[in-house]
Structure formats: structure tokens, C-alpha cells
């Protein structure tokens, strides 16, 4: 009798762990904005870089190279954070925040450090 009980509890415990793991995965995946999901991240990143480079060129009249692109991972925000430098002057750092919630990305803020 004990062997049957142990076997039953082992199967039940395994199913419970798998179910909980799947639930956590799907809850996490549903909370992530679609532009940050693995299948869309490359496109989102490229659009954010392009938007930022164009913004610095048009608004600040400088060419920039973006080195780092990331996002906070918070569920409610659609912001991409970019860092780089002015072309030809790696000591002059730049950063930008791009809103990706709309089809056309929009630069929310920029910073140029001398």
C-alpha cells in the first residue's frame, strides 16, 4: 500500500510542479509588451536605433553611434534605453529614451555629455 501511495504522490507532485512552471511562464509572457518579446526584439531594437540616430542628426546636428540598447523589463513601460557616443569622439557620450508604444517610435529624452 505504501508503494502505491508514494507512486501516486510522486506523479501528483510532478504534475503540480509542471503546471505551476507553465503558469508562471505564461503569466510572465503575457505581461511583457509585445515589442520586447523574443520574436520582435530585433526589429524593435533596430527601429529604436534608427529613430535615435535620426533624432540626434536632425535635432542636435551630430552623428552618433549607438553601442548599447536595452529595456527595463517592467510590464507597464514601453521604453527602450540607448547609449552610445558621438562619431569621431568616443569620450562624448550620448543616451536616449525611446517610446515604442506606437507604430512610429518617438524619442522621449536625450542626453549629451561632454
C-alpha atoms as a PDB file:
ATOM      1  CA  UNK A   1       0.000   0.000   0.000  1.00  0.00           C
ATOM      2  CA  UNK A   2       2.800   2.427   0.819  1.00  0.00           C
ATOM      3  CA  UNK A   3       4.415   1.920  -2.604  1.00  0.00           C
ATOM      4  CA  UNK A   4       1.157   2.857  -4.366  1.00  0.00           C
ATOM      5  CA  UNK A   5       0.778   5.958  -2.228  1.00  0.00           C
ATOM      6  CA  UNK A   6       4.353   7.074  -2.871  1.00  0.00           C
ATOM      7  CA  UNK A   7       3.918   6.480  -6.613  1.00  0.00           C
ATOM      8  CA  UNK A   8       0.642   8.443  -6.608  1.00  0.00           C
ATOM      9  CA  UNK A   9       2.167  11.344  -4.659  1.00  0.00           C
ATOM     10  CA  UNK A  10       5.209  11.412  -6.942  1.00  0.00           C
ATOM     11  CA  UNK A  11       3.046  11.630 -10.067  1.00  0.00           C
ATOM     12  CA  UNK A  12       0.749  14.217  -8.488  1.00  0.00           C
ATOM     13  CA  UNK A  13       3.740  16.281  -7.292  1.00  0.00           C
ATOM     14  CA  UNK A  14       5.382  16.166 -10.714  1.00  0.00           C
ATOM     15  CA  UNK A  15       2.207  17.271 -12.472  1.00  0.00           C
ATOM     16  CA  UNK A  16       1.747  20.080  -9.926  1.00  0.00           C
ATOM     17  CA  UNK A  17       5.300  21.372 -10.447  1.00  0.00           C
ATOM     18  CA  UNK A  18       4.964  21.293 -14.240  1.00  0.00           C
ATOM     19  CA  UNK A  19       1.601  23.072 -14.069  1.00  0.00           C
ATOM     20  CA  UNK A  20       2.985  25.801 -11.818  1.00  0.00           C
ATOM     21  CA  UNK A  21       6.035  26.271 -14.052  1.00  0.00           C
ATOM     22  CA  UNK A  22       3.828  26.641 -17.138  1.00  0.00           C
ATOM     23  CA  UNK A  23       1.539  29.076 -15.330  1.00  0.00           C
ATOM     24  CA  UNK A  24       4.476  31.271 -14.327  1.00  0.00           C
ATOM     25  CA  UNK A  25       5.840  31.187 -17.892  1.00  0.00           C
ATOM     26  CA  UNK A  26       2.531  32.202 -19.456  1.00  0.00           C
ATOM     27  CA  UNK A  27       1.817  34.906 -16.884  1.00  0.00           C
ATOM     28  CA  UNK A  28       5.292  36.389 -17.418  1.00  0.00           C
ATOM     29  CA  UNK A  29       4.998  36.172 -21.202  1.00  0.00           C
ATOM     30  CA  UNK A  30       1.590  37.873 -21.227  1.00  0.00           C
ATOM     31  CA  UNK A  31       2.854  40.741 -19.094  1.00  0.00           C
ATOM     32  CA  UNK A  32       5.753  41.603 -21.391  1.00  0.00           C
ATOM     33  CA  UNK A  33       4.941  44.249 -24.024  1.00  0.00           C
ATOM     34  CA  UNK A  34       4.845  42.616 -27.456  1.00  0.00           C
ATOM     35  CA  UNK A  35       7.759  44.671 -28.789  1.00  0.00           C
ATOM     36  CA  UNK A  36      10.070  43.202 -26.130  1.00  0.00           C
ATOM     37  CA  UNK A  37       9.202  39.570 -26.782  1.00  0.00           C
ATOM     38  CA  UNK A  38      11.958  37.472 -28.287  1.00  0.00           C
ATOM     39  CA  UNK A  39      10.416  37.298 -31.766  1.00  0.00           C
ATOM     40  CA  UNK A  40      10.015  41.105 -32.045  1.00  0.00           C
ATOM     41  CA  UNK A  41      13.012  42.412 -30.064  1.00  0.00           C
ATOM     42  CA  UNK A  42      15.462  42.567 -33.008  1.00  0.00           C
ATOM     43  CA  UNK A  43      13.063  44.716 -35.049  1.00  0.00           C
ATOM     44  CA  UNK A  44      12.231  46.919 -32.047  1.00  0.00           C
ATOM     45  CA  UNK A  45      15.918  47.448 -31.295  1.00  0.00           C
ATOM     46  CA  UNK A  46      16.774  48.380 -34.905  1.00  0.00           C
ATOM     47  CA  UNK A  47      13.874  50.848 -35.128  1.00  0.00           C
ATOM     48  CA  UNK A  48      14.896  52.441 -31.813  1.00  0.00           C
ATOM     49  CA  UNK A  49      18.490  52.829 -33.005  1.00  0.00           C
ATOM     50  CA  UNK A  50      17.380  54.335 -36.312  1.00  0.00           C
ATOM     51  CA  UNK A  51      14.974  56.719 -34.581  1.00  0.00           C
ATOM     52  CA  UNK A  52      17.683  57.834 -32.137  1.00  0.00           C
ATOM     53  CA  UNK A  53      20.363  58.365 -34.788  1.00  0.00           C
ATOM     54  CA  UNK A  54      17.929  60.400 -36.915  1.00  0.00           C
ATOM     55  CA  UNK A  55      16.855  62.443 -33.878  1.00  0.00           C
ATOM     56  CA  UNK A  56      20.436  63.395 -32.942  1.00  0.00           C
ATOM     57  CA  UNK A  57      21.200  64.243 -36.577  1.00  0.00           C
ATOM     58  CA  UNK A  58      18.085  66.379 -37.073  1.00  0.00           C
ATOM     59  CA  UNK A  59      17.734  67.988 -33.626  1.00  0.00           C
ATOM     60  CA  UNK A  60      21.345  68.246 -32.406  1.00  0.00           C
ATOM     61  CA  UNK A  61      23.197  68.197 -35.751  1.00  0.00           C
ATOM     62  CA  UNK A  62      25.544  65.404 -34.607  1.00  0.00           C
ATOM     63  CA  UNK A  63      26.213  61.888 -35.850  1.00  0.00           C
ATOM     64  CA  UNK A  64      26.066  59.223 -33.158  1.00  0.00           C
ATOM     65  CA  UNK A  65      26.903  55.554 -32.863  1.00  0.00           C
ATOM     66  CA  UNK A  66      24.723  53.501 -30.514  1.00  0.00           C
ATOM     67  CA  UNK A  67      26.608  50.852 -28.519  1.00  0.00           C
ATOM     68  CA  UNK A  68      24.036  49.566 -26.033  1.00  0.00           C
ATOM     69  CA  UNK A  69      20.290  49.016 -26.264  1.00  0.00           C
ATOM     70  CA  UNK A  70      18.056  47.659 -23.528  1.00  0.00           C
ATOM     71  CA  UNK A  71      14.738  47.873 -21.745  1.00  0.00           C
ATOM     72  CA  UNK A  72      13.760  47.826 -18.100  1.00  0.00           C
ATOM     73  CA  UNK A  73      11.663  44.690 -18.164  1.00  0.00           C
ATOM     74  CA  UNK A  74       8.803  46.371 -16.318  1.00  0.00           C
ATOM     75  CA  UNK A  75       5.410  45.355 -17.572  1.00  0.00           C
ATOM     76  CA  UNK A  76       3.844  48.788 -17.883  1.00  0.00           C
ATOM     77  CA  UNK A  77       6.587  50.627 -19.752  1.00  0.00           C
ATOM     78  CA  UNK A  78       7.316  50.680 -23.468  1.00  0.00           C
ATOM     79  CA  UNK A  79      10.679  52.415 -23.209  1.00  0.00           C
ATOM     80  CA  UNK A  80      13.960  51.429 -24.831  1.00  0.00           C
ATOM     81  CA  UNK A  81      17.174  52.838 -23.344  1.00  0.00           C
ATOM     82  CA  UNK A  82      20.083  53.561 -25.677  1.00  0.00           C
ATOM     83  CA  UNK A  83      23.667  54.617 -25.017  1.00  0.00           C
ATOM     84  CA  UNK A  84      26.450  55.499 -27.389  1.00  0.00           C
ATOM     85  CA  UNK A  85      28.835  58.239 -28.399  1.00  0.00           C
ATOM     86  CA  UNK A  86      29.382  60.961 -30.958  1.00  0.00           C
ATOM     87  CA  UNK A  87      31.010  59.627 -34.118  1.00  0.00           C
ATOM     88  CA  UNK A  88      34.706  60.528 -34.020  1.00  0.00           C
ATOM     89  CA  UNK A  89      34.677  61.327 -30.290  1.00  0.00           C
ATOM     90  CA  UNK A  90      34.150  58.286 -28.048  1.00  0.00           C
ATOM     91  CA  UNK A  91      34.540  60.460 -24.936  1.00  0.00           C
ATOM     92  CA  UNK A  92      31.392  62.441 -25.755  1.00  0.00           C
ATOM     93  CA  UNK A  93      28.683  60.064 -24.565  1.00  0.00           C
ATOM     94  CA  UNK A  94      25.033  60.208 -25.578  1.00  0.00           C
ATOM     95  CA  UNK A  95      21.941  58.493 -24.266  1.00  0.00           C
ATOM     96  CA  UNK A  96      18.284  58.433 -25.229  1.00  0.00           C
ATOM     97  CA  UNK A  97      14.947  57.008 -24.171  1.00  0.00           C
ATOM     98  CA  UNK A  98      12.627  55.909 -26.985  1.00  0.00           C
ATOM     99  CA  UNK A  99       8.916  55.218 -26.553  1.00  0.00           C
ATOM    100  CA  UNK A 100       7.990  52.112 -28.557  1.00  0.00           C
ATOM    101  CA  UNK A 101       4.277  52.005 -27.700  1.00  0.00           C
ATOM    102  CA  UNK A 102       3.231  53.470 -31.030  1.00  0.00           C
ATOM    103  CA  UNK A 103       3.975  52.162 -34.526  1.00  0.00           C
ATOM    104  CA  UNK A 104       6.326  55.101 -35.048  1.00  0.00           C
ATOM    105  CA  UNK A 105       8.906  55.179 -32.290  1.00  0.00           C
ATOM    106  CA  UNK A 106       9.383  58.511 -30.553  1.00  0.00           C
ATOM    107  CA  UNK A 107      12.399  59.870 -28.700  1.00  0.00           C
ATOM    108  CA  UNK A 108      11.264  60.973 -25.239  1.00  0.00           C
ATOM    109  CA  UNK A 109      14.548  62.330 -23.898  1.00  0.00           C
ATOM    110  CA  UNK A 110      18.210  62.652 -24.811  1.00  0.00           C
ATOM    111  CA  UNK A 111      21.418  63.497 -23.005  1.00  0.00           C
ATOM    112  CA  UNK A 112      24.772  64.568 -24.433  1.00  0.00           C
ATOM    113  CA  UNK A 113      27.762  64.533 -22.064  1.00  0.00           C
ATOM    114  CA  UNK A 114      30.861  66.476 -22.995  1.00  0.00           C
END
